[in-house]
Amino acid sequence: MSSAATTSEINPTVTAKLETKLTKPIAPNVEEAAEKETPKSESALKSFVSGGVGGACAVLVGHPLDLVKVRMQTSVGVAAGGGASVTGMLSDTLRKEGVRGLYRGVSAPLTAVSPMFAVSFWSYDMGQRMVRSYGQWGMTPDEMAARPYSLGMAEICVAGALSAIPTTGIMAPSERIKCLLQVQANEVEKGGKAKYSGMMDCARQLLKEGGMSSVYKGTVATLARDIPGTVAYFGMYEYSKREIMKLQGIDPNKGQLSLPAVVTAGGLAGMACWTVGIPFDVIKSRYQTAPEGKYSGIVDVYKALIKEEGYAGLFRGLRPALMRAFPANAAQGVTTCADACFSGKCGMLPWGGALEEDAWVHGLDVTPFETSLVIVCVNDSGR
């Protein structure tokens, strides 16, 4: 007892340091770490479900305009589809085929949307890690902890572009089946018979006729469309987000976007994405819906298109694609933001907590989807 008292009297500084170390809340940190492990799996599952619901809403809202886009792109001759109005084609389809006709081919993107989200989240996360690792090259663990690395606009674009590569594995067959079901109505109008009764029948026939290579026909064109489209999307989204926040007097590094701002930024990003990606989308649609043997590849499609219709043919279907960007993103944004608000991760409703746009970058349990950086907006189901 006396020895301890003497030590305390002789060197109070050392004693204070020892007391600080001994009273450090080690157990609570362990408990916090354990608590963090559980929500992560729940967050991943919730992200998958909410992503699927949001993507499905985007598909359902935007599919009629997507139908018009594909039919414009695959029409033969300049006057066949390029000069037709969007409203004219919608009303014509509604009159001849009913509401069901506006949703021809919708089963394929609806089926693919949830796994597409899962792959998109994973690949986008991997892309971020690669970009962040490059940016933190040579830094010590202490330096990384002291200075959290935030991705810049160019790095976000690169991460998004990388995410398009694995996503194409699900996107390409979905696009192939969807386009075939959408355009077969044109053959029926000419007196022909519908070749496919639905999504499963279409997939079965494609496998029977040409195996997996037939199902994945147009994969290169899909990738050529999605990589630059993704860069344009994320670049415009990030730029729009920052400019909108500046107009609202919010610090872009700390503030959060309101729901209308999310929809606006997403819509502008979708328009930028389609403007850049539409030429390869036209080539993809032509190639995927053409009879076997008509084209030797996408280069052959390009040459034939330029020869018949000129460079204007590369922008077939741009009007409905741009018109589709805002309502599709609005449907998706409202769904996912509502999910974030009800789960307490968003400040848009009174019971929600504060949510930073880039919180997930700094290790918080907030998914990219819940901060409205929605990867599916890069691909065909959400743009």
Protein backbone atom coordinates (compact mmCIF):
# COMPACT_ATOMS: atom_id res chain seq x y z
CA MET A 1 0.00 0.00 0.00
CA SER A 2 2.70 2.42 0.99
CA SER A 3 4.70 1.49 -2.09
CA ALA A 4 1.78 2.34 -4.37
CA ALA A 5 1.20 5.58 -2.58
CA THR A 6 4.86 6.46 -2.87
CA THR A 7 4.85 5.76 -6.60
CA SER A 8 1.83 7.95 -7.02
CA GLU A 9 3.44 10.76 -5.12
CA ILE A 10 6.84 10.43 -6.82
CA ASN A 11 5.60 10.24 -10.43
CA PRO A 12 1.95 11.33 -10.81
CA THR A 13 2.33 11.66 -14.61
CA VAL A 14 3.26 8.01 -15.04
CA THR A 15 0.41 6.97 -12.78
CA ALA A 16 -2.07 9.00 -14.79
CA LYS A 17 -0.88 7.42 -18.04
CA LEU A 18 -1.14 3.92 -16.53
CA GLU A 19 -4.64 4.66 -15.26
CA THR A 20 -5.65 5.92 -18.72
CA LYS A 21 -4.37 2.75 -20.39
CA LEU A 22 -6.00 0.48 -17.80
CA THR A 23 -9.34 2.26 -17.96
CA LYS A 24 -9.46 2.34 -21.77
CA PRO A 25 -12.81 0.93 -22.91
CA ILE A 26 -11.38 -2.20 -24.56
CA ALA A 27 -14.46 -4.33 -24.02
CA PRO A 28 -16.88 -1.79 -25.47
CA ASN A 29 -14.72 -1.58 -28.60
CA VAL A 30 -14.93 -5.34 -28.96
CA GLU A 31 -18.67 -5.14 -28.45
CA GLU A 32 -18.90 -2.35 -31.05
CA ALA A 33 -16.92 -4.43 -33.53
CA ALA A 34 -19.24 -7.38 -32.90
CA GLU A 35 -22.25 -5.13 -33.32
CA LYS A 36 -20.89 -3.83 -36.61
CA GLU A 37 -20.45 -7.34 -38.00
CA THR A 38 -24.13 -8.21 -37.63
CA PRO A 39 -25.65 -5.19 -39.38
CA LYS A 40 -23.30 -5.57 -42.34
CA SER A 41 -24.90 -8.82 -43.46
CA GLU A 42 -28.34 -7.35 -42.78
CA SER A 43 -27.38 -4.22 -44.72
CA ALA A 44 -26.15 -6.32 -47.65
CA LEU A 45 -29.41 -8.27 -47.74
CA LYS A 46 -31.49 -5.11 -47.33
CA SER A 47 -29.46 -3.41 -50.04
CA PHE A 48 -30.09 -6.37 -52.35
CA VAL A 49 -33.85 -6.33 -51.66
CA SER A 50 -34.27 -2.55 -51.80
CA GLY A 51 -32.08 -2.47 -54.89
CA GLY A 52 -34.27 -5.07 -56.56
CA VAL A 53 -37.45 -3.18 -55.66
CA GLY A 54 -36.01 0.14 -56.83
CA GLY A 55 -34.73 -1.39 -60.04
CA ALA A 56 -38.08 -3.09 -60.69
CA CYS A 57 -39.87 0.25 -60.27
CA ALA A 58 -37.45 1.85 -62.75
CA VAL A 59 -38.05 -0.97 -65.24
CA LEU A 60 -41.84 -0.78 -64.95
CA VAL A 61 -41.91 3.00 -65.31
CA GLY A 62 -39.41 3.18 -68.17
CA HIS A 63 -40.20 0.04 -70.16
CA PRO A 64 -42.81 1.52 -72.55
CA LEU A 65 -40.28 4.14 -73.67
CA ASP A 66 -37.60 1.45 -73.88
CA LEU A 67 -39.93 -0.51 -76.17
CA VAL A 68 -40.25 2.51 -78.46
CA LYS A 69 -36.47 2.99 -78.41
CA VAL A 70 -35.73 -0.59 -79.46
CA ARG A 71 -38.39 -0.59 -82.20
CA MET A 72 -37.04 2.69 -83.57
CA GLN A 73 -33.51 1.27 -83.57
CA THR A 74 -34.42 -1.99 -85.32
CA SER A 75 -36.75 -0.53 -87.95
CA VAL A 76 -35.49 -0.87 -91.53
CA GLY A 77 -35.13 2.34 -93.54
CA VAL A 78 -34.97 5.96 -92.50
CA ALA A 79 -38.72 6.56 -92.45
CA ALA A 80 -39.61 3.26 -90.77
CA GLY A 81 -38.61 4.28 -87.28
CA GLY A 82 -36.24 7.21 -87.28
CA GLY A 83 -38.89 9.76 -88.25
CA ALA A 84 -41.76 8.35 -86.14
CA SER A 85 -42.77 10.30 -83.04
CA VAL A 86 -42.48 8.76 -79.59
CA THR A 87 -46.09 9.56 -78.67
CA GLY A 88 -47.26 8.24 -82.04
CA MET A 89 -45.51 4.90 -81.53
CA LEU A 90 -46.80 4.63 -77.95
CA SER A 91 -50.41 5.32 -78.95
CA ASP A 92 -50.13 2.99 -81.95
CA THR A 93 -48.81 0.17 -79.77
CA LEU A 94 -51.47 0.80 -77.15
CA ARG A 95 -54.23 0.76 -79.78
CA LYS A 96 -53.04 -2.43 -81.49
CA GLU A 97 -51.65 -4.43 -78.58
CA GLY A 98 -53.14 -2.88 -75.45
CA VAL A 99 -51.28 -2.16 -72.22
CA ARG A 100 -49.71 -5.60 -72.38
CA GLY A 101 -48.07 -4.62 -75.65
CA LEU A 102 -46.27 -1.71 -73.97
CA TYR A 103 -44.61 -4.20 -71.64
CA ARG A 104 -43.43 -6.77 -74.16
CA GLY A 105 -40.10 -8.22 -73.04
CA VAL A 106 -40.34 -6.76 -69.52
CA SER A 107 -39.93 -10.18 -67.85
CA ALA A 108 -36.23 -10.43 -68.80
CA PRO A 109 -35.05 -7.15 -67.18
CA LEU A 110 -37.34 -7.72 -64.17
CA THR A 111 -35.79 -11.15 -63.62
CA ALA A 112 -32.24 -9.86 -64.04
CA VAL A 113 -32.52 -6.66 -62.01
CA SER A 114 -31.83 -8.06 -58.50
CA PRO A 115 -28.78 -10.20 -59.39
CA MET A 116 -27.60 -7.28 -61.53
CA PHE A 117 -27.70 -5.04 -58.46
CA ALA A 118 -25.76 -7.57 -56.42
CA VAL A 119 -23.03 -7.86 -59.06
CA SER A 120 -23.02 -4.08 -59.55
CA PHE A 121 -22.54 -3.38 -55.83
CA TRP A 122 -19.78 -5.93 -55.56
CA SER A 123 -17.95 -4.80 -58.70
CA TYR A 124 -18.34 -1.10 -57.88
CA ASP A 125 -16.95 -1.76 -54.40
CA MET A 126 -14.02 -3.65 -55.93
CA GLY A 127 -13.46 -0.76 -58.36
CA GLN A 128 -13.40 1.72 -55.49
CA ARG A 129 -10.93 -0.39 -53.57
CA MET A 130 -8.63 -0.63 -56.56
CA VAL A 131 -8.77 3.13 -57.16
CA ARG A 132 -8.34 3.88 -53.44
CA SER A 133 -5.40 1.48 -53.16
CA TYR A 134 -3.72 3.26 -56.05
CA GLY A 135 -4.35 6.66 -54.42
CA GLN A 136 -3.00 5.47 -51.06
CA TRP A 137 0.06 3.82 -52.55
CA GLY A 138 3.06 4.26 -50.22
CA MET A 139 1.01 5.50 -47.24
CA THR A 140 1.45 3.83 -43.84
CA PRO A 141 -1.58 2.45 -41.92
CA ASP A 142 -1.32 5.38 -39.49
CA GLU A 143 -1.39 7.89 -42.35
CA MET A 144 -4.43 6.13 -43.86
CA ALA A 145 -6.24 6.29 -40.51
CA ALA A 146 -5.34 9.95 -39.98
CA ARG A 147 -6.37 11.05 -43.48
CA PRO A 148 -9.46 9.19 -44.79
CA TYR A 149 -9.23 8.97 -48.55
CA SER A 150 -12.22 10.43 -50.43
CA LEU A 151 -12.67 9.54 -54.08
CA GLY A 152 -12.58 12.41 -56.56
CA MET A 153 -14.81 12.74 -59.61
CA ALA A 154 -12.35 11.07 -61.98
CA GLU A 155 -11.80 8.18 -59.56
CA ILE A 156 -15.56 7.64 -59.14
CA CYS A 157 -15.87 7.49 -62.95
CA VAL A 158 -13.07 4.91 -63.16
CA ALA A 159 -14.64 2.77 -60.41
CA GLY A 160 -17.98 2.95 -62.18
CA ALA A 161 -16.43 1.99 -65.51
CA LEU A 162 -14.81 -1.05 -63.89
CA SER A 163 -18.18 -2.08 -62.45
CA ALA A 164 -19.67 -2.30 -65.95
CA ILE A 165 -17.41 -5.22 -66.89
CA PRO A 166 -18.81 -8.01 -64.64
CA THR A 167 -22.35 -6.58 -64.82
CA THR A 168 -22.35 -7.21 -68.56
CA GLY A 169 -22.38 -10.94 -67.81
CA ILE A 170 -25.99 -10.58 -66.63
CA MET A 171 -26.95 -7.61 -68.78
CA ALA A 172 -26.10 -9.08 -72.21
CA PRO A 173 -28.42 -12.16 -72.17
CA SER A 174 -31.18 -10.10 -70.54
CA GLU A 175 -30.90 -7.51 -73.31
CA ARG A 176 -30.83 -10.17 -76.02
CA ILE A 177 -34.07 -11.81 -74.83
CA LYS A 178 -35.79 -8.48 -74.13
CA CYS A 179 -35.03 -7.07 -77.57
CA LEU A 180 -36.19 -10.22 -79.39
CA LEU A 181 -39.51 -10.19 -77.52
CA GLN A 182 -39.96 -6.46 -78.15
CA VAL A 183 -39.47 -6.59 -81.91
CA GLN A 184 -41.34 -9.79 -82.76
CA ALA A 185 -44.60 -7.78 -82.72
CA ASN A 186 -43.36 -6.14 -85.94
CA GLU A 187 -43.36 -9.56 -87.63
CA VAL A 188 -46.85 -10.31 -86.35
CA GLU A 189 -48.11 -7.03 -87.88
CA LYS A 190 -46.75 -8.17 -91.25
CA GLY A 191 -48.82 -11.34 -91.05
CA GLY A 192 -46.16 -13.53 -89.49
CA LYS A 193 -46.39 -15.63 -86.36
CA ALA A 194 -44.82 -14.87 -82.99
CA LYS A 195 -41.71 -17.04 -82.65
CA TYR A 196 -41.45 -16.83 -78.86
CA SER A 197 -44.24 -17.24 -76.31
CA GLY A 198 -42.25 -15.64 -73.52
CA MET A 199 -38.89 -15.19 -71.81
CA MET A 200 -38.27 -18.87 -70.97
CA ASP A 201 -39.33 -20.03 -74.43
CA CYS A 202 -37.01 -17.46 -76.01
CA ALA A 203 -34.06 -18.56 -73.85
CA ARG A 204 -34.76 -22.22 -74.58
CA GLN A 205 -34.88 -21.67 -78.35
CA LEU A 206 -31.70 -19.59 -78.34
CA LEU A 207 -29.86 -22.33 -76.43
CA LYS A 208 -31.17 -24.95 -78.83
CA GLU A 209 -30.20 -22.96 -81.94
CA GLY A 210 -26.75 -21.70 -80.98
CA GLY A 211 -25.93 -22.60 -77.39
CA MET A 212 -24.59 -20.04 -74.90
CA SER A 213 -22.92 -18.02 -77.66
CA SER A 214 -26.38 -17.28 -79.06
CA VAL A 215 -27.70 -16.22 -75.65
CA TYR A 216 -24.69 -13.93 -75.18
CA LYS A 217 -24.81 -12.49 -78.69
CA GLY A 218 -24.05 -8.75 -78.53
CA THR A 219 -21.96 -8.88 -75.35
CA VAL A 220 -19.11 -6.83 -76.86
CA ALA A 221 -21.55 -4.16 -78.04
CA THR A 222 -23.18 -4.09 -74.59
CA LEU A 223 -19.80 -3.59 -72.96
CA ALA A 224 -18.85 -0.92 -75.51
CA ARG A 225 -22.07 0.90 -74.65
CA ASP A 226 -21.88 0.57 -70.86
CA ILE A 227 -18.25 1.50 -70.13
CA PRO A 228 -18.33 5.02 -71.66
CA GLY A 229 -21.96 5.38 -70.59
CA THR A 230 -20.98 4.64 -66.99
CA VAL A 231 -18.19 7.21 -67.09
CA ALA A 232 -20.63 9.82 -68.44
CA TYR A 233 -23.23 8.88 -65.83
CA PHE A 234 -21.00 9.14 -62.79
CA GLY A 235 -19.23 12.22 -64.09
CA MET A 236 -22.50 14.06 -64.67
CA TYR A 237 -24.03 12.80 -61.43
CA GLU A 238 -21.08 14.00 -59.37
CA TYR A 239 -20.93 17.35 -61.20
CA SER A 240 -24.71 17.91 -60.93
CA LYS A 241 -24.73 16.93 -57.28
CA ARG A 242 -22.00 19.40 -56.39
CA GLU A 243 -23.51 22.24 -58.42
CA ILE A 244 -27.00 21.69 -56.95
CA MET A 245 -25.57 21.67 -53.43
CA LYS A 246 -23.69 24.91 -54.14
CA LEU A 247 -26.92 26.52 -55.36
CA GLN A 248 -28.65 25.39 -52.17
CA GLY A 249 -25.80 26.74 -50.04
CA ILE A 250 -24.78 23.27 -48.83
CA ASP A 251 -21.18 22.14 -48.39
CA PRO A 252 -20.68 19.39 -51.04
CA ASN A 253 -18.20 17.62 -48.74
CA LYS A 254 -20.50 17.43 -45.73
CA GLY A 255 -24.10 18.01 -46.78
CA GLN A 256 -26.71 15.68 -48.21
CA LEU A 257 -28.98 15.92 -51.22
CA SER A 258 -32.73 16.30 -50.91
CA LEU A 259 -34.95 13.84 -52.79
CA PRO A 260 -35.80 16.29 -55.63
CA ALA A 261 -32.07 17.02 -56.00
CA VAL A 262 -31.31 13.27 -56.17
CA VAL A 263 -33.92 12.85 -58.90
CA THR A 264 -32.58 15.88 -60.82
CA ALA A 265 -28.95 14.76 -60.60
CA GLY A 266 -29.89 11.19 -61.52
CA GLY A 267 -32.01 12.32 -64.47
CA LEU A 268 -29.26 14.54 -65.86
CA ALA A 269 -26.76 11.72 -65.36
CA GLY A 270 -29.04 9.29 -67.18
CA MET A 271 -29.39 11.70 -70.10
CA ALA A 272 -25.60 12.08 -70.31
CA CYS A 273 -25.20 8.32 -70.16
CA TRP A 274 -27.63 7.69 -73.02
CA THR A 275 -26.23 10.49 -75.17
CA VAL A 276 -22.80 8.87 -75.00
CA GLY A 277 -23.97 5.26 -75.16
CA ILE A 278 -26.75 5.41 -77.79
CA PRO A 279 -24.58 4.70 -80.89
CA PHE A 280 -23.42 1.35 -79.52
CA ASP A 281 -26.93 0.69 -78.20
CA VAL A 282 -28.28 1.00 -81.76
CA ILE A 283 -25.58 -1.37 -83.03
CA LYS A 284 -26.31 -3.80 -80.18
CA SER A 285 -30.07 -3.80 -80.83
CA ARG A 286 -29.59 -4.38 -84.57
CA TYR A 287 -27.07 -7.16 -84.01
CA GLN A 288 -29.05 -8.95 -81.28
CA THR A 289 -32.34 -8.97 -83.20
CA ALA A 290 -30.95 -9.75 -86.67
CA PRO A 291 -31.43 -13.26 -88.16
CA GLU A 292 -28.45 -15.56 -87.72
CA GLY A 293 -25.83 -15.00 -90.42
CA LYS A 294 -26.99 -11.54 -91.49
CA TYR A 295 -24.02 -9.81 -89.85
CA SER A 296 -20.54 -11.16 -89.23
CA GLY A 297 -20.09 -8.92 -86.18
CA ILE A 298 -20.71 -5.47 -84.75
CA VAL A 299 -18.28 -3.85 -87.22
CA ASP A 300 -20.38 -5.26 -90.05
CA VAL A 301 -23.51 -3.84 -88.41
CA TYR A 302 -21.83 -0.42 -88.18
CA LYS A 303 -20.80 -0.44 -91.86
CA ALA A 304 -24.25 -1.49 -93.05
CA LEU A 305 -25.95 1.13 -90.86
CA ILE A 306 -23.76 3.99 -92.07
CA LYS A 307 -24.20 2.92 -95.67
CA GLU A 308 -28.01 2.76 -95.44
CA GLU A 309 -28.84 5.63 -93.08
CA GLY A 310 -25.72 7.71 -92.53
CA TYR A 311 -24.36 8.74 -89.14
CA ALA A 312 -27.80 9.94 -88.01
CA GLY A 313 -28.78 6.27 -87.84
CA LEU A 314 -26.43 5.82 -84.89
CA PHE A 315 -28.71 8.04 -82.80
CA ARG A 316 -31.95 6.18 -83.45
CA GLY A 317 -34.03 5.98 -80.27
CA LEU A 318 -32.26 8.81 -78.48
CA ARG A 319 -35.49 10.75 -77.90
CA PRO A 320 -37.33 8.03 -75.90
CA ALA A 321 -34.09 7.18 -74.09
CA LEU A 322 -33.70 10.78 -72.88
CA MET A 323 -37.40 11.01 -72.01
CA ARG A 324 -37.08 7.81 -70.00
CA ALA A 325 -34.13 8.99 -67.89
CA PHE A 326 -36.05 11.25 -65.49
CA PRO A 327 -39.14 9.13 -64.68
CA ALA A 328 -37.07 5.95 -64.36
CA ASN A 329 -34.57 7.62 -62.02
CA ALA A 330 -37.41 9.28 -60.09
CA ALA A 331 -39.12 5.92 -59.49
CA GLN A 332 -35.85 4.35 -58.44
CA GLY A 333 -34.73 7.27 -56.29
CA VAL A 334 -38.05 7.59 -54.44
CA THR A 335 -38.10 3.87 -53.66
CA THR A 336 -34.55 3.68 -52.37
CA CYS A 337 -34.60 6.98 -50.51
CA ALA A 338 -37.86 5.93 -48.82
CA ASP A 339 -36.16 2.69 -47.79
CA ALA A 340 -33.20 4.62 -46.35
CA CYS A 341 -35.50 7.01 -44.50
CA PHE A 342 -37.63 4.29 -42.94
CA SER A 343 -34.49 2.43 -41.85
CA GLY A 344 -33.23 5.58 -40.08
CA LYS A 345 -30.31 6.23 -42.43
CA CYS A 346 -31.64 9.36 -44.04
CA GLY A 347 -32.45 12.84 -42.83
CA MET A 348 -35.24 13.43 -45.36
CA LEU A 349 -37.97 12.33 -42.92
CA PRO A 350 -38.34 13.45 -39.27
CA TRP A 351 -37.50 10.01 -37.85
CA GLY A 352 -34.45 9.51 -40.03
CA GLY A 353 -30.88 10.08 -38.91
CA ALA A 354 -28.36 12.20 -40.76
CA LEU A 355 -26.87 10.57 -43.85
CA GLU A 356 -23.79 11.86 -45.66
CA GLU A 357 -23.51 11.26 -49.39
CA ASP A 358 -20.05 9.78 -49.00
CA ALA A 359 -20.52 8.14 -45.59
CA TRP A 360 -19.93 4.68 -46.98
CA VAL A 361 -16.55 5.78 -48.34
CA HIS A 362 -15.43 6.43 -44.77
CA GLY A 363 -16.48 3.00 -43.50
CA LEU A 364 -19.95 3.76 -42.14
CA ASP A 365 -22.71 1.19 -42.56
CA VAL A 366 -24.41 2.98 -45.45
CA THR A 367 -24.63 1.39 -48.87
CA PRO A 368 -24.01 3.20 -52.16
CA PHE A 369 -27.63 2.53 -53.11
CA GLU A 370 -28.92 4.35 -50.05
CA THR A 371 -26.81 7.38 -50.93
CA SER A 372 -28.34 7.38 -54.40
CA LEU A 373 -25.19 6.33 -56.22
CA VAL A 374 -27.23 3.68 -57.96
CA ILE A 375 -25.23 1.46 -60.26
CA VAL A 376 -28.21 0.12 -62.17
CA CYS A 377 -28.69 3.65 -63.50
CA VAL A 378 -25.62 2.85 -65.58
CA ASN A 379 -27.21 -0.11 -67.19
CA ASP A 380 -30.36 -0.47 -69.19
CA SER A 381 -32.76 -1.09 -66.34
CA GLY A 382 -32.20 2.12 -64.52
CA ARG A 383 -31.02 4.80 -66.91
